Amino acid sequence: MAVQLLTPFTQVFRRSAPKDTADLLTGRWVAIGSTGKAAVPGGGAKVGLNLVIEGNKGHKGTNLEFGNAGTGYASTNYFTLPSVAQSGEVALAYGVFRYQVGPEGCDPTAHASLAVDALVAVDAYGRIIPVGDGVAIGKVEAISTDANGVTLLTIRTFGN
């Protein structure tokens, strides 16, 4: 499942940015570095982030098909997007909007602890996690399961 914007596309602030050297998975969050390139957020406070709505890779598997921390929890069952490879830029969304995402956009071990109305933050790899000590970027509006048994989260962002 790729990320799906639930707010009408024309009402979502969007931009593009060249991607850094690392792969950027559709459905994860990125920061724009001092060079103007999109990259995983890393440690520290997570504000001013952008949602990747078209990265150079998209996840097509389940919540069990990801690598470990050493690989940045990269998808092991993905497709590539040739438009990003050709342009070198990723499509991003920012501001206040609603979106739905599958396992590519959240920590698969943490999504089971999320509930409707739970505040969420972003980890160092750009994945949604329970807020804990982080800065809340939004809240869970709904949790559903698709026909393949994959958990889908609907998130409303706060625009920070």
N, C-alpha and C. Protein backbone atom coordinates (compact mmCIF):
# COMPACT_ATOMS: atom_id res chain seq x y z
N MET A 1 0.84 -1.18 0.00
CA MET A 1 0.00 0.00 0.00
C MET A 1 0.88 1.23 0.00
N ALA A 2 0.56 2.16 -0.82
CA ALA A 2 1.26 3.44 -0.82
C ALA A 2 0.48 4.40 0.06
N VAL A 3 1.09 5.52 0.35
CA VAL A 3 0.40 6.54 1.13
C VAL A 3 -0.78 7.07 0.32
N GLN A 4 -1.88 7.35 1.00
CA GLN A 4 -3.06 7.89 0.33
C GLN A 4 -3.48 9.16 1.05
N LEU A 5 -3.45 10.27 0.33
CA LEU A 5 -3.93 11.53 0.91
C LEU A 5 -5.45 11.48 0.99
N LEU A 6 -6.01 11.76 2.15
CA LEU A 6 -7.46 11.78 2.32
C LEU A 6 -8.00 13.20 2.23
N THR A 7 -7.17 14.18 2.49
CA THR A 7 -7.53 15.58 2.25
C THR A 7 -7.46 15.79 0.74
N PRO A 8 -8.40 16.50 0.14
CA PRO A 8 -8.33 16.72 -1.31
C PRO A 8 -6.95 17.24 -1.72
N PHE A 9 -6.41 16.66 -2.79
CA PHE A 9 -5.05 16.95 -3.25
C PHE A 9 -4.80 18.43 -3.42
N THR A 10 -5.79 19.16 -3.91
CA THR A 10 -5.61 20.60 -4.15
C THR A 10 -5.52 21.40 -2.86
N GLN A 11 -5.88 20.79 -1.72
CA GLN A 11 -5.83 21.49 -0.44
C GLN A 11 -4.61 21.12 0.40
N VAL A 12 -3.73 20.31 -0.16
CA VAL A 12 -2.53 19.88 0.56
C VAL A 12 -1.33 20.65 0.02
N PHE A 13 -0.57 21.27 0.92
CA PHE A 13 0.66 21.94 0.51
C PHE A 13 1.66 20.87 0.07
N ARG A 14 2.24 21.06 -1.10
CA ARG A 14 3.18 20.08 -1.64
C ARG A 14 4.41 20.79 -2.16
N ARG A 15 5.48 20.04 -2.22
CA ARG A 15 6.73 20.54 -2.79
C ARG A 15 7.53 19.34 -3.25
N SER A 16 8.57 19.61 -3.97
CA SER A 16 9.52 18.55 -4.30
C SER A 16 10.89 18.98 -3.79
N ALA A 17 11.75 18.01 -3.61
CA ALA A 17 13.11 18.30 -3.17
C ALA A 17 14.01 17.20 -3.69
N PRO A 18 15.26 17.55 -4.01
CA PRO A 18 16.19 16.49 -4.40
C PRO A 18 16.41 15.55 -3.22
N LYS A 19 16.56 14.27 -3.51
CA LYS A 19 16.77 13.33 -2.41
C LYS A 19 18.25 13.21 -2.11
N ASP A 20 18.53 12.94 -0.85
CA ASP A 20 19.89 12.69 -0.41
C ASP A 20 20.32 11.33 -0.97
N THR A 21 21.42 10.80 -0.55
CA THR A 21 21.92 9.54 -1.11
C THR A 21 21.12 8.33 -0.68
N ALA A 22 20.49 8.36 0.48
CA ALA A 22 19.73 7.20 0.98
C ALA A 22 18.40 7.07 0.25
N ASP A 23 17.90 5.82 0.20
CA ASP A 23 16.57 5.59 -0.37
C ASP A 23 15.52 6.24 0.52
N LEU A 24 14.46 6.77 -0.10
CA LEU A 24 13.36 7.37 0.64
C LEU A 24 12.09 6.61 0.30
N LEU A 25 11.53 5.97 1.29
CA LEU A 25 10.35 5.12 1.13
C LEU A 25 9.09 5.98 1.19
N THR A 26 8.22 5.80 0.20
CA THR A 26 6.94 6.49 0.19
C THR A 26 6.19 6.15 1.48
N GLY A 27 5.63 7.18 2.13
CA GLY A 27 4.88 6.98 3.36
C GLY A 27 5.65 7.30 4.62
N ARG A 28 6.94 7.60 4.49
CA ARG A 28 7.74 7.98 5.66
C ARG A 28 7.92 9.50 5.67
N TRP A 29 8.44 10.00 6.78
CA TRP A 29 8.66 11.42 6.96
C TRP A 29 10.13 11.76 6.78
N VAL A 30 10.41 12.93 6.21
CA VAL A 30 11.79 13.37 5.97
C VAL A 30 11.96 14.81 6.44
N ALA A 31 13.20 15.17 6.61
CA ALA A 31 13.58 16.56 6.91
C ALA A 31 14.34 17.10 5.70
N ILE A 32 14.30 18.39 5.51
CA ILE A 32 15.09 19.04 4.47
C ILE A 32 16.35 19.56 5.15
N GLY A 33 17.49 19.05 4.75
CA GLY A 33 18.76 19.43 5.37
C GLY A 33 19.27 20.78 4.90
N SER A 34 20.41 21.17 5.41
CA SER A 34 20.99 22.48 5.07
C SER A 34 21.39 22.57 3.60
N THR A 35 21.54 21.41 2.93
CA THR A 35 21.87 21.41 1.50
C THR A 35 20.62 21.47 0.63
N GLY A 36 19.42 21.47 1.28
CA GLY A 36 18.17 21.50 0.53
C GLY A 36 17.70 20.14 0.07
N LYS A 37 18.38 19.08 0.54
CA LYS A 37 18.01 17.72 0.12
C LYS A 37 17.17 17.04 1.19
N ALA A 38 16.24 16.19 0.73
CA ALA A 38 15.39 15.42 1.63
C ALA A 38 16.15 14.21 2.15
N ALA A 39 16.07 13.98 3.46
CA ALA A 39 16.76 12.86 4.09
C ALA A 39 15.97 12.42 5.31
N VAL A 40 16.21 11.18 5.78
CA VAL A 40 15.54 10.71 7.00
C VAL A 40 15.86 11.69 8.12
N PRO A 41 14.92 11.87 9.07
CA PRO A 41 15.08 12.93 10.06
C PRO A 41 16.23 12.77 11.06
N GLY A 42 16.64 11.54 11.34
CA GLY A 42 17.70 11.36 12.33
C GLY A 42 17.24 11.69 13.74
N GLY A 43 18.17 11.87 14.66
CA GLY A 43 17.83 12.13 16.06
C GLY A 43 17.43 13.58 16.29
N GLY A 44 17.03 13.87 17.51
CA GLY A 44 16.68 15.24 17.88
C GLY A 44 15.22 15.55 17.69
N ALA A 45 14.87 16.82 17.86
CA ALA A 45 13.47 17.26 17.74
C ALA A 45 13.00 17.09 16.31
N LYS A 46 11.76 16.67 16.17
CA LYS A 46 11.21 16.40 14.84
C LYS A 46 10.10 17.41 14.52
N VAL A 47 10.48 18.58 14.05
CA VAL A 47 9.51 19.58 13.60
C VAL A 47 9.92 19.99 12.18
N GLY A 48 8.96 20.53 11.46
CA GLY A 48 9.25 20.96 10.09
C GLY A 48 9.46 19.81 9.13
N LEU A 49 8.82 18.67 9.40
CA LEU A 49 8.99 17.50 8.56
C LEU A 49 8.03 17.50 7.39
N ASN A 50 8.35 16.69 6.39
CA ASN A 50 7.54 16.54 5.19
C ASN A 50 7.23 15.07 4.99
N LEU A 51 6.00 14.75 4.58
CA LEU A 51 5.62 13.38 4.29
C LEU A 51 6.00 13.05 2.85
N VAL A 52 6.68 11.93 2.65
CA VAL A 52 7.05 11.50 1.30
C VAL A 52 5.83 10.89 0.63
N ILE A 53 5.27 11.58 -0.37
CA ILE A 53 4.13 11.03 -1.09
C ILE A 53 4.55 10.34 -2.38
N GLU A 54 5.79 10.54 -2.78
CA GLU A 54 6.39 9.77 -3.88
C GLU A 54 7.89 9.74 -3.67
N GLY A 55 8.35 8.65 -3.06
CA GLY A 55 9.78 8.45 -2.85
C GLY A 55 10.35 7.60 -3.98
N ASN A 56 11.62 7.23 -3.87
CA ASN A 56 12.18 6.42 -4.94
C ASN A 56 11.82 4.94 -4.77
N LYS A 57 11.26 4.57 -3.60
CA LYS A 57 10.79 3.20 -3.38
C LYS A 57 9.43 3.23 -2.71
N GLY A 58 8.63 2.21 -3.01
CA GLY A 58 7.33 2.03 -2.37
C GLY A 58 7.26 0.61 -1.83
N HIS A 59 6.69 0.44 -0.66
CA HIS A 59 6.58 -0.88 -0.03
C HIS A 59 5.37 -1.60 -0.59
N LYS A 60 5.52 -2.88 -0.92
CA LYS A 60 4.38 -3.64 -1.43
C LYS A 60 4.13 -4.90 -0.62
N GLY A 61 4.69 -4.97 0.55
CA GLY A 61 4.56 -6.18 1.36
C GLY A 61 3.79 -5.95 2.64
N THR A 62 4.06 -6.82 3.61
CA THR A 62 3.38 -6.78 4.90
C THR A 62 4.25 -6.07 5.92
N ASN A 63 3.77 -6.03 7.17
CA ASN A 63 4.53 -5.38 8.23
C ASN A 63 5.73 -6.22 8.68
N LEU A 64 5.89 -7.41 8.13
CA LEU A 64 7.02 -8.27 8.50
C LEU A 64 8.18 -8.17 7.52
N GLU A 65 8.03 -7.39 6.45
CA GLU A 65 9.03 -7.35 5.39
C GLU A 65 9.87 -6.07 5.43
N PHE A 66 10.60 -5.93 6.54
CA PHE A 66 11.50 -4.80 6.71
C PHE A 66 12.80 -5.30 7.29
N GLY A 67 13.89 -4.59 7.01
CA GLY A 67 15.19 -4.93 7.56
C GLY A 67 15.27 -4.50 9.02
N ASN A 68 16.48 -4.48 9.55
CA ASN A 68 16.69 -4.11 10.95
C ASN A 68 17.16 -2.66 11.06
N ALA A 69 17.48 -2.25 12.27
CA ALA A 69 17.91 -0.87 12.51
C ALA A 69 19.14 -0.52 11.68
N GLY A 70 20.03 -1.48 11.48
CA GLY A 70 21.24 -1.22 10.70
C GLY A 70 20.96 -0.85 9.25
N THR A 71 19.79 -1.21 8.75
CA THR A 71 19.42 -0.85 7.38
C THR A 71 18.38 0.26 7.36
N GLY A 72 18.14 0.89 8.52
CA GLY A 72 17.13 1.95 8.58
C GLY A 72 15.74 1.41 8.42
N TYR A 73 15.55 0.14 8.77
CA TYR A 73 14.26 -0.53 8.62
C TYR A 73 13.75 -0.42 7.18
N ALA A 74 14.64 -0.65 6.25
CA ALA A 74 14.29 -0.57 4.83
C ALA A 74 13.35 -1.70 4.44
N SER A 75 12.50 -1.44 3.47
CA SER A 75 11.58 -2.45 2.95
C SER A 75 12.37 -3.54 2.23
N THR A 76 11.99 -4.78 2.46
CA THR A 76 12.61 -5.89 1.73
C THR A 76 11.69 -6.40 0.63
N ASN A 77 10.53 -5.77 0.45
CA ASN A 77 9.59 -6.13 -0.60
C ASN A 77 9.04 -4.82 -1.16
N TYR A 78 9.72 -4.29 -2.15
CA TYR A 78 9.41 -2.95 -2.63
C TYR A 78 9.40 -2.88 -4.15
N PHE A 79 8.89 -1.77 -4.66
CA PHE A 79 8.98 -1.44 -6.08
C PHE A 79 9.69 -0.11 -6.19
N THR A 80 10.32 0.16 -7.31
CA THR A 80 11.01 1.43 -7.50
C THR A 80 10.16 2.34 -8.39
N LEU A 81 10.33 3.61 -8.21
CA LEU A 81 9.59 4.60 -8.99
C LEU A 81 10.54 5.28 -9.97
N PRO A 82 10.44 4.93 -11.25
CA PRO A 82 11.40 5.47 -12.23
C PRO A 82 11.36 6.98 -12.37
N SER A 83 10.21 7.61 -12.10
CA SER A 83 10.14 9.08 -12.23
C SER A 83 11.09 9.75 -11.23
N VAL A 84 11.20 9.18 -10.03
CA VAL A 84 12.10 9.74 -9.03
C VAL A 84 13.55 9.47 -9.43
N ALA A 85 13.81 8.27 -9.94
CA ALA A 85 15.17 7.95 -10.37
C ALA A 85 15.62 8.89 -11.48
N GLN A 86 14.72 9.22 -12.39
CA GLN A 86 15.08 10.09 -13.51
C GLN A 86 15.27 11.54 -13.06
N SER A 87 14.37 12.03 -12.21
CA SER A 87 14.44 13.44 -11.81
C SER A 87 15.37 13.68 -10.63
N GLY A 88 15.56 12.65 -9.80
CA GLY A 88 16.37 12.81 -8.59
C GLY A 88 15.64 13.54 -7.48
N GLU A 89 14.33 13.79 -7.66
CA GLU A 89 13.55 14.53 -6.66
C GLU A 89 12.39 13.69 -6.17
N VAL A 90 12.01 13.92 -4.92
CA VAL A 90 10.87 13.24 -4.33
C VAL A 90 9.74 14.24 -4.13
N ALA A 91 8.50 13.75 -4.13
CA ALA A 91 7.33 14.59 -3.90
C ALA A 91 6.98 14.54 -2.42
N LEU A 92 6.72 15.70 -1.85
CA LEU A 92 6.50 15.82 -0.42
C LEU A 92 5.20 16.58 -0.13
N ALA A 93 4.60 16.27 1.02
CA ALA A 93 3.43 17.02 1.51
C ALA A 93 3.78 17.57 2.88
N TYR A 94 3.24 18.73 3.19
CA TYR A 94 3.48 19.33 4.51
C TYR A 94 2.27 20.15 4.92
N GLY A 95 2.23 20.54 6.18
CA GLY A 95 1.11 21.32 6.68
C GLY A 95 0.09 20.42 7.36
N VAL A 96 -1.17 20.87 7.40
CA VAL A 96 -2.25 20.13 8.04
C VAL A 96 -3.00 19.35 6.98
N PHE A 97 -3.06 18.04 7.13
CA PHE A 97 -3.79 17.19 6.19
C PHE A 97 -4.05 15.84 6.83
N ARG A 98 -4.87 15.04 6.17
CA ARG A 98 -5.16 13.67 6.61
C ARG A 98 -4.59 12.72 5.57
N TYR A 99 -4.06 11.60 6.05
CA TYR A 99 -3.56 10.58 5.12
C TYR A 99 -3.68 9.21 5.73
N GLN A 100 -3.65 8.19 4.86
CA GLN A 100 -3.68 6.81 5.30
C GLN A 100 -2.41 6.13 4.84
N VAL A 101 -1.85 5.30 5.71
CA VAL A 101 -0.59 4.64 5.40
C VAL A 101 -0.59 3.25 6.02
N GLY A 102 0.13 2.34 5.38
CA GLY A 102 0.28 0.98 5.89
C GLY A 102 1.56 0.84 6.67
N PRO A 103 2.13 -0.36 6.69
CA PRO A 103 3.29 -0.63 7.54
C PRO A 103 4.55 0.13 7.14
N GLU A 104 4.61 0.63 5.92
CA GLU A 104 5.80 1.37 5.49
C GLU A 104 5.96 2.68 6.26
N GLY A 105 4.85 3.20 6.78
CA GLY A 105 4.90 4.50 7.42
C GLY A 105 4.91 4.47 8.94
N CYS A 106 4.98 3.28 9.53
CA CYS A 106 4.99 3.23 10.99
C CYS A 106 5.93 2.12 11.46
N ASP A 107 6.30 2.19 12.71
CA ASP A 107 7.11 1.15 13.31
C ASP A 107 6.22 -0.07 13.48
N PRO A 108 6.47 -1.17 12.74
CA PRO A 108 5.58 -2.34 12.82
C PRO A 108 5.44 -2.91 14.22
N THR A 109 6.43 -2.75 15.07
CA THR A 109 6.31 -3.27 16.43
C THR A 109 5.52 -2.32 17.32
N ALA A 110 5.46 -1.05 16.95
CA ALA A 110 4.77 -0.06 17.77
C ALA A 110 3.33 0.17 17.33
N HIS A 111 2.99 -0.15 16.08
CA HIS A 111 1.63 0.18 15.62
C HIS A 111 0.56 -0.57 16.40
N ALA A 112 0.91 -1.73 16.96
CA ALA A 112 -0.07 -2.48 17.75
C ALA A 112 -0.44 -1.74 19.02
N SER A 113 0.43 -0.86 19.50
CA SER A 113 0.13 -0.11 20.72
C SER A 113 -0.57 1.21 20.43
N LEU A 114 -0.79 1.54 19.18
CA LEU A 114 -1.49 2.77 18.83
C LEU A 114 -3.00 2.56 18.92
N ALA A 115 -3.70 3.58 19.31
CA ALA A 115 -5.16 3.54 19.40
C ALA A 115 -5.71 4.81 18.78
N VAL A 116 -7.00 4.79 18.45
CA VAL A 116 -7.65 5.97 17.92
C VAL A 116 -7.50 7.10 18.94
N ASP A 117 -7.19 8.29 18.46
CA ASP A 117 -6.94 9.50 19.23
C ASP A 117 -5.57 9.54 19.88
N ALA A 118 -4.73 8.52 19.66
CA ALA A 118 -3.37 8.53 20.22
C ALA A 118 -2.53 9.57 19.48
N LEU A 119 -1.71 10.32 20.22
CA LEU A 119 -0.78 11.25 19.60
C LEU A 119 0.40 10.47 19.06
N VAL A 120 0.93 10.92 17.91
CA VAL A 120 2.05 10.23 17.28
C VAL A 120 3.20 11.19 17.01
N ALA A 121 4.38 10.62 16.97
CA ALA A 121 5.61 11.35 16.66
C ALA A 121 6.30 10.62 15.52
N VAL A 122 7.49 11.06 15.16
CA VAL A 122 8.27 10.45 14.09
C VAL A 122 9.61 10.04 14.67
N ASP A 123 10.05 8.80 14.33
CA ASP A 123 11.35 8.35 14.84
C ASP A 123 12.47 8.77 13.88
N ALA A 124 13.68 8.36 14.19
CA ALA A 124 14.86 8.75 13.41
C ALA A 124 14.81 8.25 11.97
N TYR A 125 13.97 7.24 11.70
CA TYR A 125 13.87 6.66 10.35
C TYR A 125 12.65 7.17 9.58
N GLY A 126 11.92 8.13 10.17
CA GLY A 126 10.77 8.71 9.48
C GLY A 126 9.48 7.94 9.66
N ARG A 127 9.44 7.02 10.64
CA ARG A 127 8.25 6.20 10.85
C ARG A 127 7.40 6.77 11.98
N ILE A 128 6.07 6.59 11.89
CA ILE A 128 5.15 7.00 12.93
C ILE A 128 5.35 6.08 14.13
N ILE A 129 5.42 6.68 15.32
CA ILE A 129 5.54 5.93 16.58
C ILE A 129 4.65 6.60 17.63
N PRO A 130 4.32 5.89 18.71
CA PRO A 130 3.60 6.56 19.80
C PRO A 130 4.43 7.75 20.30
N VAL A 131 3.79 8.81 20.75
CA VAL A 131 4.49 10.06 21.02
C VAL A 131 5.60 9.94 22.06
N GLY A 132 5.40 9.24 23.15
CA GLY A 132 6.47 9.11 24.15
C GLY A 132 7.04 10.47 24.52
N ASP A 133 8.35 10.64 24.32
CA ASP A 133 9.01 11.90 24.64
C ASP A 133 9.12 12.83 23.44
N GLY A 134 8.65 12.41 22.28
CA GLY A 134 8.82 13.20 21.06
C GLY A 134 7.82 14.33 20.94
N VAL A 135 7.96 15.09 19.89
CA VAL A 135 7.03 16.16 19.55
C VAL A 135 5.91 15.56 18.71
N ALA A 136 4.67 15.72 19.13
CA ALA A 136 3.53 15.15 18.40
C ALA A 136 3.38 15.86 17.06
N ILE A 137 3.32 15.07 15.99
CA ILE A 137 3.10 15.64 14.66
C ILE A 137 1.66 15.44 14.22
N GLY A 138 0.90 14.64 14.97
CA GLY A 138 -0.49 14.38 14.61
C GLY A 138 -1.12 13.39 15.55
N LYS A 139 -2.29 12.90 15.14
CA LYS A 139 -2.97 11.89 15.95
C LYS A 139 -3.62 10.85 15.04
N VAL A 140 -3.85 9.68 15.61
CA VAL A 140 -4.49 8.58 14.88
C VAL A 140 -5.99 8.86 14.83
N GLU A 141 -6.55 8.89 13.62
CA GLU A 141 -7.99 9.08 13.47
C GLU A 141 -8.72 7.75 13.34
N ALA A 142 -8.07 6.78 12.71
CA ALA A 142 -8.71 5.47 12.51
C ALA A 142 -7.65 4.41 12.31
N ILE A 143 -8.01 3.19 12.66
CA ILE A 143 -7.16 2.03 12.42
C ILE A 143 -8.04 0.98 11.74
N SER A 144 -7.58 0.48 10.61
CA SER A 144 -8.36 -0.52 9.88
C SER A 144 -7.43 -1.59 9.34
N THR A 145 -8.01 -2.63 8.78
CA THR A 145 -7.24 -3.72 8.20
C THR A 145 -7.74 -3.93 6.78
N ASP A 146 -6.81 -4.04 5.82
CA ASP A 146 -7.23 -4.26 4.43
C ASP A 146 -7.53 -5.74 4.18
N ALA A 147 -7.88 -6.07 2.95
CA ALA A 147 -8.27 -7.44 2.59
C ALA A 147 -7.14 -8.44 2.79
N ASN A 148 -5.90 -7.98 2.81
CA ASN A 148 -4.75 -8.86 2.99
C ASN A 148 -4.31 -8.95 4.45
N GLY A 149 -5.06 -8.33 5.36
CA GLY A 149 -4.72 -8.38 6.78
C GLY A 149 -3.66 -7.36 7.19
N VAL A 150 -3.38 -6.38 6.33
CA VAL A 150 -2.38 -5.37 6.63
C VAL A 150 -3.05 -4.20 7.36
N THR A 151 -2.46 -3.78 8.48
CA THR A 151 -3.01 -2.68 9.27
C THR A 151 -2.76 -1.34 8.56
N LEU A 152 -3.80 -0.53 8.50
CA LEU A 152 -3.73 0.80 7.89
C LEU A 152 -4.05 1.84 8.95
N LEU A 153 -3.27 2.88 9.01
CA LEU A 153 -3.49 3.98 9.95
C LEU A 153 -3.98 5.21 9.19
N THR A 154 -4.98 5.88 9.74
CA THR A 154 -5.38 7.19 9.22
C THR A 154 -4.88 8.22 10.22
N ILE A 155 -4.06 9.14 9.76
CA ILE A 155 -3.40 10.14 10.59
C ILE A 155 -3.86 11.54 10.18
N ARG A 156 -4.14 12.39 11.17
CA ARG A 156 -4.38 13.81 10.93
C ARG A 156 -3.16 14.54 11.47
N THR A 157 -2.49 15.28 10.62
CA THR A 157 -1.28 16.00 11.03
C THR A 157 -1.65 17.33 11.69
N PHE A 158 -0.72 17.85 12.48
CA PHE A 158 -0.90 19.13 13.15
C PHE A 158 -0.24 20.27 12.39
N GLY A 159 0.56 19.95 11.39
CA GLY A 159 1.20 20.98 10.60
C GLY A 159 2.45 21.58 11.20
N ASN A 160 3.06 20.87 12.14
CA ASN A 160 4.29 21.40 12.73
C ASN A 160 5.43 20.81 11.97
